[in-house]
Every structure is written in C-alpha cells, then in structure tokens.
Amino acid sequence: MRAHPHTRDAYCWFADMPTRWSDNDVYGHVNNAAYYGFFDTAVNRFLIEKNALDIETGALIGLVVQTSCAYFSPLAFPELLQIGVRAERVGRTSVTYGLGVFGQNEDKASAQGQFVHVYVDRQSRVPTPLAAPLRRAVMDIIGDQSV
C-alpha cells in the first residue's frame, strides 16, 4: 500500500535546513541520498538542543540500525526546507523517529521516513537503556500513531 504524505501537524518539532548545490542531482532535484542526511541532521540537532545526548563525550551514543523514506514531490536547490520530527516508538534501548521533509510554505510532506536509533555504550557498543534526559526529550515529541 502506497504511503500518503503527512501534514505538518503530524510532527512535534521542526528543524530548518537549507538545500545545498551538491544536494541536487543530474535530474534537477534533490537526490534521494540527501534525504537521509536531512533525517540524521534533524534528529541529532533535536537531541543536542534538548540536552538529551552529548554526542562528543557522552557514555551513550545512538547507532542507526534502520531507515526508510517515501517520496511524494520533488525539491531542489535553492530552498529552505523544514524537517519535522516526532518519536513514533520509544523502547528500552531504542527510538523510532518519524520525519517529514517540507518545502517552503508547503503543508504536505514532500518526503517522509523513519530513522531508528539503538542507543549503546560508547565503548562496548552494547545496547543500553535510554538515559533519563533522552527519554524525557523523546517522550515530549511522541507523535499521533493514527496518521
């Protein structure tokens, strides 16, 4: 079954993200691989801004174990995008983030995807329960599962 684009109200937090010249491909639109960079940047910006994760020296780090993306309409350089972020599932050691990529003044996502982080000990890489600041931050962006 083909996915349908979500609207902005399906997301709880947004990151502004300008497209770059190098994001475009030979077909004149943002290349599919760039969307995964948008997802990674938005999730990590959220975690840093909320003081939920110390990406440089913290004992806990998030490893991406799964991603997906559905595309609905093209985007191109130059454009300022907004990446919507929500938590779709919060487990003991993992978070599934839902993401929507919105063009300027667009209410429907041009693309949307999922990004799954498993949080592990930085040294041993063993899955580790979410630290309290991380759990609080992602619980604040739990999205509506009916969309």
Protein backbone atom coordinates (compact mmCIF):
# COMPACT_ATOMS: atom_id res chain seq x y z
CA MET A 1 0.00 0.00 0.00
CA ARG A 2 1.43 3.37 -1.02
CA ALA A 3 2.03 5.85 1.78
CA HIS A 4 0.31 9.24 1.74
CA PRO A 5 2.09 12.44 2.72
CA HIS A 6 1.57 13.66 6.25
CA THR A 7 0.79 17.27 7.04
CA ARG A 8 2.87 19.48 9.32
CA ASP A 9 0.57 18.88 12.28
CA ALA A 10 1.75 15.24 12.39
CA TYR A 11 5.14 16.42 13.69
CA CYS A 12 6.11 17.90 17.04
CA TRP A 13 9.44 19.63 16.40
CA PHE A 14 10.99 21.24 13.29
CA ALA A 15 14.49 21.98 12.05
CA ASP A 16 15.17 24.49 9.27
CA MET A 17 17.52 23.04 6.68
CA PRO A 18 18.76 24.81 3.56
CA THR A 19 19.40 22.69 0.49
CA ARG A 20 22.93 22.85 -0.90
CA TRP A 21 24.07 22.96 -4.52
CA SER A 22 25.52 19.46 -4.07
CA ASP A 23 22.12 18.08 -2.94
CA ASN A 24 20.76 18.32 -6.50
CA ASP A 25 21.37 15.51 -8.95
CA VAL A 26 21.62 15.48 -12.73
CA TYR A 27 17.81 15.33 -12.95
CA GLY A 28 17.47 18.75 -11.32
CA HIS A 29 16.06 17.74 -7.94
CA VAL A 30 17.38 16.78 -4.51
CA ASN A 31 18.91 13.30 -4.76
CA ASN A 32 17.35 10.55 -2.68
CA ALA A 33 20.54 10.04 -0.66
CA ALA A 34 20.40 13.64 0.61
CA TYR A 35 17.16 12.93 2.49
CA TYR A 36 18.95 10.55 4.84
CA GLY A 37 21.40 13.34 5.66
CA PHE A 38 18.44 15.63 6.41
CA PHE A 39 17.00 12.97 8.75
CA ASP A 40 20.28 12.38 10.57
CA THR A 41 20.95 16.10 10.97
CA ALA A 42 17.43 16.89 12.24
CA VAL A 43 17.38 14.08 14.83
CA ASN A 44 20.83 14.95 16.14
CA ARG A 45 20.05 18.69 16.20
CA PHE A 46 16.94 17.90 18.25
CA LEU A 47 18.93 15.75 20.71
CA ILE A 48 21.66 18.39 21.08
CA GLU A 49 19.23 21.31 21.50
CA LYS A 50 17.28 19.40 24.15
CA ASN A 51 20.49 18.43 26.01
CA ALA A 52 19.39 14.84 25.60
CA LEU A 53 22.67 13.45 24.27
CA ASP A 54 26.31 14.53 24.50
CA ILE A 55 27.49 13.47 21.05
CA GLU A 56 31.15 14.25 21.72
CA THR A 57 31.91 12.75 25.12
CA GLY A 58 28.74 11.12 26.48
CA ALA A 59 28.76 7.48 27.53
CA LEU A 60 25.66 6.81 25.40
CA ILE A 61 25.55 7.12 21.61
CA GLY A 62 22.85 6.40 19.05
CA LEU A 63 23.58 3.99 16.20
CA VAL A 64 21.31 3.99 13.16
CA VAL A 65 20.01 0.46 12.59
CA GLN A 66 17.20 1.10 10.11
CA THR A 67 15.97 3.85 7.81
CA SER A 68 13.25 4.25 5.21
CA CYS A 69 11.90 7.04 3.04
CA ALA A 70 8.86 7.58 0.80
CA TYR A 71 8.98 10.36 -1.78
CA PHE A 72 5.95 12.35 -2.91
CA SER A 73 7.11 15.52 -4.68
CA PRO A 74 10.49 16.86 -5.81
CA LEU A 75 12.52 19.52 -4.04
CA ALA A 76 15.51 21.40 -5.46
CA PHE A 77 18.30 23.81 -4.62
CA PRO A 78 17.94 26.60 -3.57
CA GLU A 79 15.24 26.08 -0.99
CA LEU A 80 14.92 26.29 2.78
CA LEU A 81 13.33 23.06 3.96
CA GLN A 82 11.76 22.21 7.29
CA ILE A 83 12.26 18.75 8.69
CA GLY A 84 9.50 17.62 11.04
CA VAL A 85 10.49 15.22 13.82
CA ARG A 86 8.43 13.03 16.11
CA ALA A 87 9.02 9.89 18.15
CA GLU A 88 6.92 7.02 16.84
CA ARG A 89 8.16 4.36 19.23
CA VAL A 90 10.20 4.64 22.40
CA GLY A 91 11.66 1.37 23.61
CA ARG A 92 14.02 0.43 26.40
CA THR A 93 17.17 0.98 24.30
CA SER A 94 15.83 2.38 21.02
CA VAL A 95 13.77 5.16 19.48
CA THR A 96 11.97 5.14 16.14
CA TYR A 97 11.82 8.68 14.81
CA GLY A 98 9.29 9.74 12.18
CA LEU A 99 10.44 12.51 9.86
CA GLY A 100 8.75 14.70 7.28
CA VAL A 101 10.52 16.90 4.73
CA PHE A 102 8.55 20.04 3.88
CA GLY A 103 9.22 22.63 1.21
CA GLN A 104 8.74 26.30 1.94
CA ASN A 105 5.10 27.15 2.62
CA GLU A 106 4.02 23.55 1.94
CA ASP A 107 1.64 21.80 4.34
CA LYS A 108 2.13 18.29 2.92
CA ALA A 109 5.43 16.44 3.18
CA SER A 110 7.47 16.09 0.00
CA ALA A 111 9.07 13.04 1.63
CA GLN A 112 8.74 11.22 4.92
CA GLY A 113 10.61 8.46 6.60
CA GLN A 114 11.71 6.62 9.69
CA PHE A 115 15.04 6.61 11.41
CA VAL A 116 15.73 4.03 14.15
CA HIS A 117 18.45 4.66 16.72
CA VAL A 118 19.61 1.96 19.11
CA TYR A 119 21.43 3.59 22.00
CA VAL A 120 24.61 1.86 23.07
CA ASP A 121 27.52 2.32 25.42
CA ARG A 122 30.16 4.35 23.54
CA GLN A 123 32.98 1.97 24.46
CA SER A 124 31.42 -1.51 24.45
CA ARG A 125 28.70 -0.84 21.82
CA VAL A 126 26.30 -2.87 23.99
CA PRO A 127 22.67 -1.66 23.88
CA THR A 128 21.99 0.47 26.95
CA PRO A 129 18.71 1.76 28.44
CA LEU A 130 17.83 5.32 27.47
CA ALA A 131 19.23 7.87 29.92
CA ALA A 132 16.61 9.99 31.72
CA PRO A 133 17.27 13.23 29.73
CA LEU A 134 16.99 11.33 26.45
CA ARG A 135 13.80 9.54 27.48
CA ARG A 136 12.23 12.85 28.62
CA ALA A 137 13.13 14.58 25.34
CA VAL A 138 11.70 11.89 23.08
CA MET A 139 8.59 11.46 25.20
CA ASP A 140 7.90 15.17 24.56
CA ILE A 141 7.69 14.51 20.80
CA ILE A 142 5.55 11.37 20.74
CA GLY A 143 3.52 11.64 17.57
CA ASP A 144 -0.03 10.58 16.78
CA GLN A 145 0.15 6.95 15.64
CA SER A 146 -3.06 7.25 13.60
CA VAL A 147 -1.51 9.33 10.80
